[in-house]
């Protein structure tokens, strides 16, 4: 009887730890190596839920006359987050446009590093207009009202 009680006392804390929610996943960071600025993005679906494995891309032209170019791409974690670090403080033709996509959904966030060097923004993914147009072209009998 004593052994059974001891095993229950030992197993109870282990079971409660196993059922505890997992801590938030570490935010993936893509390092640009071109300056001191950074932007943390949270990608959400139309329903407001975080989007896992959404792809976020940005094209950056910087330096004298925009001669230097940088293309960055990263995926979001299970919380819909990704961070771009090492961004230049001055860019050619601000703001930068961060394009997020997953399946047929896409969204854009604008970021001007000269106005805010350390930023946090959100992107809401919506159904792509190109996909919607392609669907109507495939079914010419349907009309938008």
Protein backbone atom coordinates (compact mmCIF):
# COMPACT_ATOMS: atom_id res chain seq x y z
CA UNK A 1 0.00 0.00 0.00
CA UNK A 2 2.85 2.35 0.87
CA UNK A 3 4.46 1.76 -2.56
CA UNK A 4 1.24 2.57 -4.39
CA UNK A 5 0.82 5.85 -2.51
CA UNK A 6 4.45 6.82 -3.17
CA UNK A 7 4.13 6.07 -6.89
CA UNK A 8 0.97 8.21 -7.08
CA UNK A 9 2.70 11.09 -5.32
CA UNK A 10 5.65 10.85 -7.70
CA UNK A 11 3.49 10.51 -10.84
CA UNK A 12 1.04 13.35 -10.04
CA UNK A 13 3.49 16.23 -10.65
CA UNK A 14 4.72 14.56 -13.85
CA UNK A 15 1.19 14.29 -15.20
CA UNK A 16 0.37 17.91 -14.40
CA UNK A 17 3.54 19.05 -16.22
CA UNK A 18 2.63 16.98 -19.28
CA UNK A 19 -0.81 18.61 -19.46
CA UNK A 20 0.49 22.17 -19.01
CA UNK A 21 0.32 24.25 -22.20
CA UNK A 22 3.58 24.46 -24.09
CA UNK A 23 5.36 27.81 -23.89
CA UNK A 24 5.23 29.99 -26.98
CA UNK A 25 7.56 28.88 -29.70
CA UNK A 26 10.67 30.97 -30.27
CA UNK A 27 10.19 33.67 -32.93
CA UNK A 28 12.24 32.89 -36.05
CA UNK A 29 14.68 35.68 -36.93
CA UNK A 30 16.05 36.34 -40.41
CA UNK A 31 19.20 38.46 -40.29
CA UNK A 32 19.70 40.96 -43.12
CA UNK A 33 23.05 42.25 -41.90
CA UNK A 34 22.49 45.67 -43.50
CA UNK A 35 21.71 47.93 -40.53
CA UNK A 36 20.34 48.42 -37.01
CA UNK A 37 16.59 48.21 -37.65
CA UNK A 38 14.16 45.32 -37.19
CA UNK A 39 10.53 44.45 -37.69
CA UNK A 40 8.51 41.75 -35.93
CA UNK A 41 5.45 40.63 -37.87
CA UNK A 42 2.40 38.69 -36.72
CA UNK A 43 0.49 37.04 -39.56
CA UNK A 44 -3.19 36.29 -38.91
CA UNK A 45 -5.95 34.83 -41.03
CA UNK A 46 -9.27 36.53 -41.74
CA UNK A 47 -10.61 34.76 -38.63
CA UNK A 48 -7.95 36.44 -36.44
CA UNK A 49 -6.07 33.20 -35.74
CA UNK A 50 -2.25 33.05 -36.16
CA UNK A 51 -1.11 31.50 -39.46
CA UNK A 52 1.59 28.84 -39.20
CA UNK A 53 4.16 28.49 -42.03
CA UNK A 54 3.10 31.60 -43.92
CA UNK A 55 5.87 32.88 -46.19
CA UNK A 56 6.93 36.52 -45.75
CA UNK A 57 9.10 38.20 -48.40
CA UNK A 58 10.66 41.65 -48.76
CA UNK A 59 12.85 43.30 -51.41
CA UNK A 60 15.12 46.05 -50.08
CA UNK A 61 17.09 48.55 -52.18
CA UNK A 62 19.45 50.70 -50.11
CA UNK A 63 22.75 52.53 -50.20
CA UNK A 64 23.77 55.29 -52.63
CA UNK A 65 21.23 55.32 -55.46
CA UNK A 66 19.73 52.04 -54.25
CA UNK A 67 22.73 50.15 -55.64
CA UNK A 68 22.64 47.53 -52.89
CA UNK A 69 19.80 45.05 -52.95
CA UNK A 70 18.60 42.52 -50.42
CA UNK A 71 15.87 39.92 -50.82
CA UNK A 72 14.74 38.24 -47.60
CA UNK A 73 12.23 35.44 -47.06
CA UNK A 74 11.13 33.65 -43.90
CA UNK A 75 8.32 31.49 -42.56
CA UNK A 76 6.16 32.12 -39.50
CA UNK A 77 6.12 29.97 -36.37
CA UNK A 78 3.00 28.42 -34.79
CA UNK A 79 2.14 31.81 -33.25
CA UNK A 80 2.19 33.42 -36.73
CA UNK A 81 5.33 35.43 -35.86
CA UNK A 82 8.57 36.16 -37.71
CA UNK A 83 11.24 38.83 -37.16
CA UNK A 84 13.39 40.57 -39.76
CA UNK A 85 16.55 42.02 -38.16
CA UNK A 86 19.56 43.83 -39.58
CA UNK A 87 17.49 46.08 -41.83
CA UNK A 88 19.00 49.35 -43.10
CA UNK A 89 17.77 52.59 -41.49
CA UNK A 90 17.51 54.33 -44.88
CA UNK A 91 16.05 52.63 -47.94
CA UNK A 92 15.39 53.60 -51.53
CA UNK A 93 11.71 54.55 -52.01
CA UNK A 94 10.27 53.85 -48.54
CA UNK A 95 8.19 52.24 -47.16
CA UNK A 96 9.30 48.62 -47.45
CA UNK A 97 6.50 46.22 -48.33
CA UNK A 98 6.47 42.87 -46.55
CA UNK A 99 4.35 40.40 -48.57
CA UNK A 100 2.90 37.44 -46.67
CA UNK A 101 1.21 34.48 -48.32
CA UNK A 102 -0.12 31.02 -47.60
CA UNK A 103 -2.01 28.94 -50.13
CA UNK A 104 -4.38 31.33 -51.95
CA UNK A 105 -4.27 33.96 -49.19
CA UNK A 106 -2.01 37.02 -49.10
CA UNK A 107 -1.44 40.30 -47.26
CA UNK A 108 0.99 43.23 -47.10
CA UNK A 109 2.51 45.32 -44.31
CA UNK A 110 4.34 48.61 -44.91
CA UNK A 111 7.36 49.56 -42.81
CA UNK A 112 9.49 52.71 -43.03
CA UNK A 113 12.70 52.13 -41.03
CA UNK A 114 13.60 55.85 -41.12
CA UNK A 115 10.37 56.65 -39.22
CA UNK A 116 10.43 53.69 -36.78
CA UNK A 117 13.59 51.61 -36.58
CA UNK A 118 12.23 48.92 -34.22
CA UNK A 119 8.70 48.00 -35.26
CA UNK A 120 5.95 45.47 -34.60
CA UNK A 121 3.24 45.12 -37.22
CA UNK A 122 0.48 42.71 -38.15
CA UNK A 123 -0.60 41.30 -41.49
CA UNK A 124 -4.08 39.90 -42.10
CA UNK A 125 -4.25 37.38 -44.93
CA UNK A 126 -7.18 37.62 -47.32
CA UNK A 127 -8.14 35.65 -50.40
CA UNK A 128 -5.98 36.67 -53.34
CA UNK A 129 -7.76 38.77 -55.97
CA UNK A 130 -5.82 36.96 -58.72
CA UNK A 131 -7.21 33.61 -57.50
CA UNK A 132 -10.74 35.04 -57.42
CA UNK A 133 -10.37 36.40 -60.99
CA UNK A 134 -8.99 33.06 -62.19
CA UNK A 135 -11.98 31.28 -60.66
CA UNK A 136 -14.41 33.56 -62.51
CA UNK A 137 -12.48 33.08 -65.78
CA UNK A 138 -12.75 29.30 -65.39
CA UNK A 139 -16.54 29.61 -64.92
CA UNK A 140 -17.66 32.31 -67.40
CA UNK A 141 -21.31 31.54 -66.68
CA UNK A 142 -21.01 33.00 -63.16
CA UNK A 143 -21.20 36.73 -62.65
CA UNK A 144 -20.34 38.99 -59.78
CA UNK A 145 -23.39 40.88 -58.52
